[in-house]
Amino acid sequence: MVREPLTEEQIERGRVLGALLRRARAGRTMVDVARHSGISVETLRKIEGGRIPTPAFFTVAAVAATLGLSLDDLLTRTDATVAPAPHDIAV
């Protein structure tokens, strides 16, 4: 199975998601958030740095729950920052 390359919008959405999670983490350490989320510190570091632009749903859900974030709010804030590609706009 060949995986399609990510679009610029997907890459940017990953960067925005990472920045939102990093800001929400505020004074908490990566170790603390990763441990409570059930993921590795390296995975959290990569998500926050935008190096995993499309993390697994349950990974994002676990981190969001740990940080007290709503998935709806994350989606809204992520989508509002990234302009949709022309093919994503409903006619």
C-alpha atoms as a PDB file:
ATOM      1  CA  MET A   1       0.000   0.000   0.000  1.00  0.00           C
ATOM      2  CA  VAL A   2       1.399   3.374  -1.037  1.00  0.00           C
ATOM      3  CA  ARG A   3       0.656   6.301   1.220  1.00  0.00           C
ATOM      4  CA  GLU A   4      -0.183   9.568  -0.504  1.00  0.00           C
ATOM      5  CA  PRO A   5       2.082  12.486   0.447  1.00  0.00           C
ATOM      6  CA  LEU A   6       0.572  14.952   2.879  1.00  0.00           C
ATOM      7  CA  THR A   7      -0.791  18.211   1.517  1.00  0.00           C
ATOM      8  CA  GLU A   8       0.497  21.583   2.668  1.00  0.00           C
ATOM      9  CA  GLU A   9      -2.815  22.079   4.489  1.00  0.00           C
ATOM     10  CA  GLN A  10      -2.380  18.817   6.419  1.00  0.00           C
ATOM     11  CA  ILE A  11       1.173  19.741   7.366  1.00  0.00           C
ATOM     12  CA  GLU A  12       0.097  23.224   8.506  1.00  0.00           C
ATOM     13  CA  ARG A  13      -2.858  21.784  10.450  1.00  0.00           C
ATOM     14  CA  GLY A  14      -0.380  19.516  12.258  1.00  0.00           C
ATOM     15  CA  ARG A  15       1.802  22.502  13.154  1.00  0.00           C
ATOM     16  CA  VAL A  16      -1.205  24.410  14.468  1.00  0.00           C
ATOM     17  CA  LEU A  17      -2.397  21.405  16.494  1.00  0.00           C
ATOM     18  CA  GLY A  18       1.064  21.026  18.005  1.00  0.00           C
ATOM     19  CA  ALA A  19       1.217  24.698  18.952  1.00  0.00           C
ATOM     20  CA  LEU A  20      -2.246  24.549  20.555  1.00  0.00           C
ATOM     21  CA  LEU A  21      -1.281  21.510  22.630  1.00  0.00           C
ATOM     22  CA  ARG A  22       2.037  23.059  23.632  1.00  0.00           C
ATOM     23  CA  ARG A  23       0.277  26.257  24.778  1.00  0.00           C
ATOM     24  CA  ALA A  24      -2.362  24.277  26.681  1.00  0.00           C
ATOM     25  CA  ARG A  25       0.368  22.284  28.424  1.00  0.00           C
ATOM     26  CA  ALA A  26       1.606  25.612  29.860  1.00  0.00           C
ATOM     27  CA  GLY A  27       3.577  24.894  33.042  1.00  0.00           C
ATOM     28  CA  ARG A  28       3.169  21.123  32.959  1.00  0.00           C
ATOM     29  CA  THR A  29       6.143  19.083  31.860  1.00  0.00           C
ATOM     30  CA  MET A  30       6.109  16.899  28.779  1.00  0.00           C
ATOM     31  CA  VAL A  31       6.843  13.926  31.011  1.00  0.00           C
ATOM     32  CA  ASP A  32       3.770  14.609  33.146  1.00  0.00           C
ATOM     33  CA  VAL A  33       1.414  15.092  30.190  1.00  0.00           C
ATOM     34  CA  ALA A  34       2.800  12.124  28.266  1.00  0.00           C
ATOM     35  CA  ARG A  35       2.548   9.835  31.289  1.00  0.00           C
ATOM     36  CA  HIS A  36      -1.056  10.837  32.005  1.00  0.00           C
ATOM     37  CA  SER A  37      -1.927  10.489  28.318  1.00  0.00           C
ATOM     38  CA  GLY A  38      -0.371   7.038  27.993  1.00  0.00           C
ATOM     39  CA  ILE A  39       2.052   8.050  25.251  1.00  0.00           C
ATOM     40  CA  SER A  40       5.795   8.468  25.074  1.00  0.00           C
ATOM     41  CA  VAL A  41       7.487  11.800  25.679  1.00  0.00           C
ATOM     42  CA  GLU A  42       9.041  11.520  22.225  1.00  0.00           C
ATOM     43  CA  THR A  43       5.594  11.153  20.616  1.00  0.00           C
ATOM     44  CA  LEU A  44       4.323  14.229  22.460  1.00  0.00           C
ATOM     45  CA  ARG A  45       7.474  16.145  21.469  1.00  0.00           C
ATOM     46  CA  LYS A  46       6.947  15.222  17.808  1.00  0.00           C
ATOM     47  CA  ILE A  47       3.262  16.199  17.874  1.00  0.00           C
ATOM     48  CA  GLU A  48       3.979  19.531  19.558  1.00  0.00           C
ATOM     49  CA  GLY A  49       6.766  20.215  17.073  1.00  0.00           C
ATOM     50  CA  GLY A  50       4.565  19.405  14.075  1.00  0.00           C
ATOM     51  CA  ARG A  51       6.726  16.427  13.090  1.00  0.00           C
ATOM     52  CA  ILE A  52       3.684  14.131  13.346  1.00  0.00           C
ATOM     53  CA  PRO A  53       1.177  16.234  11.397  1.00  0.00           C
ATOM     54  CA  THR A  54      -1.549  13.574  11.435  1.00  0.00           C
ATOM     55  CA  PRO A  55      -1.384  11.871  14.840  1.00  0.00           C
ATOM     56  CA  ALA A  56      -3.786   9.041  15.619  1.00  0.00           C
ATOM     57  CA  PHE A  57      -7.207  10.097  16.846  1.00  0.00           C
ATOM     58  CA  PHE A  58      -6.931   8.289  20.171  1.00  0.00           C
ATOM     59  CA  THR A  59      -3.524   9.861  20.797  1.00  0.00           C
ATOM     60  CA  VAL A  60      -4.943  13.351  20.300  1.00  0.00           C
ATOM     61  CA  ALA A  61      -8.006  12.455  22.380  1.00  0.00           C
ATOM     62  CA  ALA A  62      -5.820  11.234  25.254  1.00  0.00           C
ATOM     63  CA  VAL A  63      -3.629  14.343  25.237  1.00  0.00           C
ATOM     64  CA  ALA A  64      -6.669  16.614  24.964  1.00  0.00           C
ATOM     65  CA  ALA A  65      -8.342  14.870  27.912  1.00  0.00           C
ATOM     66  CA  THR A  66      -5.172  15.183  29.980  1.00  0.00           C
ATOM     67  CA  LEU A  67      -5.017  18.899  29.219  1.00  0.00           C
ATOM     68  CA  GLY A  68      -8.748  19.461  29.738  1.00  0.00           C
ATOM     69  CA  LEU A  69      -9.316  20.394  26.106  1.00  0.00           C
ATOM     70  CA  SER A  70     -12.415  19.692  24.066  1.00  0.00           C
ATOM     71  CA  LEU A  71     -11.846  17.856  20.781  1.00  0.00           C
ATOM     72  CA  ASP A  72     -14.505  20.093  19.215  1.00  0.00           C
ATOM     73  CA  ASP A  73     -12.596  23.178  20.323  1.00  0.00           C
ATOM     74  CA  LEU A  74      -9.297  21.783  19.024  1.00  0.00           C
ATOM     75  CA  LEU A  75     -10.879  21.030  15.660  1.00  0.00           C
ATOM     76  CA  THR A  76     -12.474  24.460  15.413  1.00  0.00           C
ATOM     77  CA  ARG A  77      -9.290  26.270  16.390  1.00  0.00           C
ATOM     78  CA  THR A  78      -7.156  24.158  14.072  1.00  0.00           C
ATOM     79  CA  ASP A  79      -9.467  24.537  11.082  1.00  0.00           C
ATOM     80  CA  ALA A  80      -9.922  28.272  11.641  1.00  0.00           C
ATOM     81  CA  THR A  81      -6.180  28.787  11.325  1.00  0.00           C
ATOM     82  CA  VAL A  82      -5.677  26.739   8.175  1.00  0.00           C
ATOM     83  CA  ALA A  83      -7.278  27.886   4.930  1.00  0.00           C
ATOM     84  CA  PRO A  84      -9.117  25.057   3.173  1.00  0.00           C
ATOM     85  CA  ALA A  85      -7.761  23.770  -0.094  1.00  0.00           C
ATOM     86  CA  PRO A  86      -9.920  24.676  -3.117  1.00  0.00           C
ATOM     87  CA  HIS A  87     -11.124  21.059  -3.430  1.00  0.00           C
ATOM     88  CA  ASP A  88     -12.254  21.092   0.243  1.00  0.00           C
ATOM     89  CA  ILE A  89     -14.700  23.954  -0.252  1.00  0.00           C
ATOM     90  CA  ALA A  90     -18.297  22.771  -0.626  1.00  0.00           C
ATOM     91  CA  VAL A  91     -20.167  24.248  -3.543  1.00  0.00           C
END
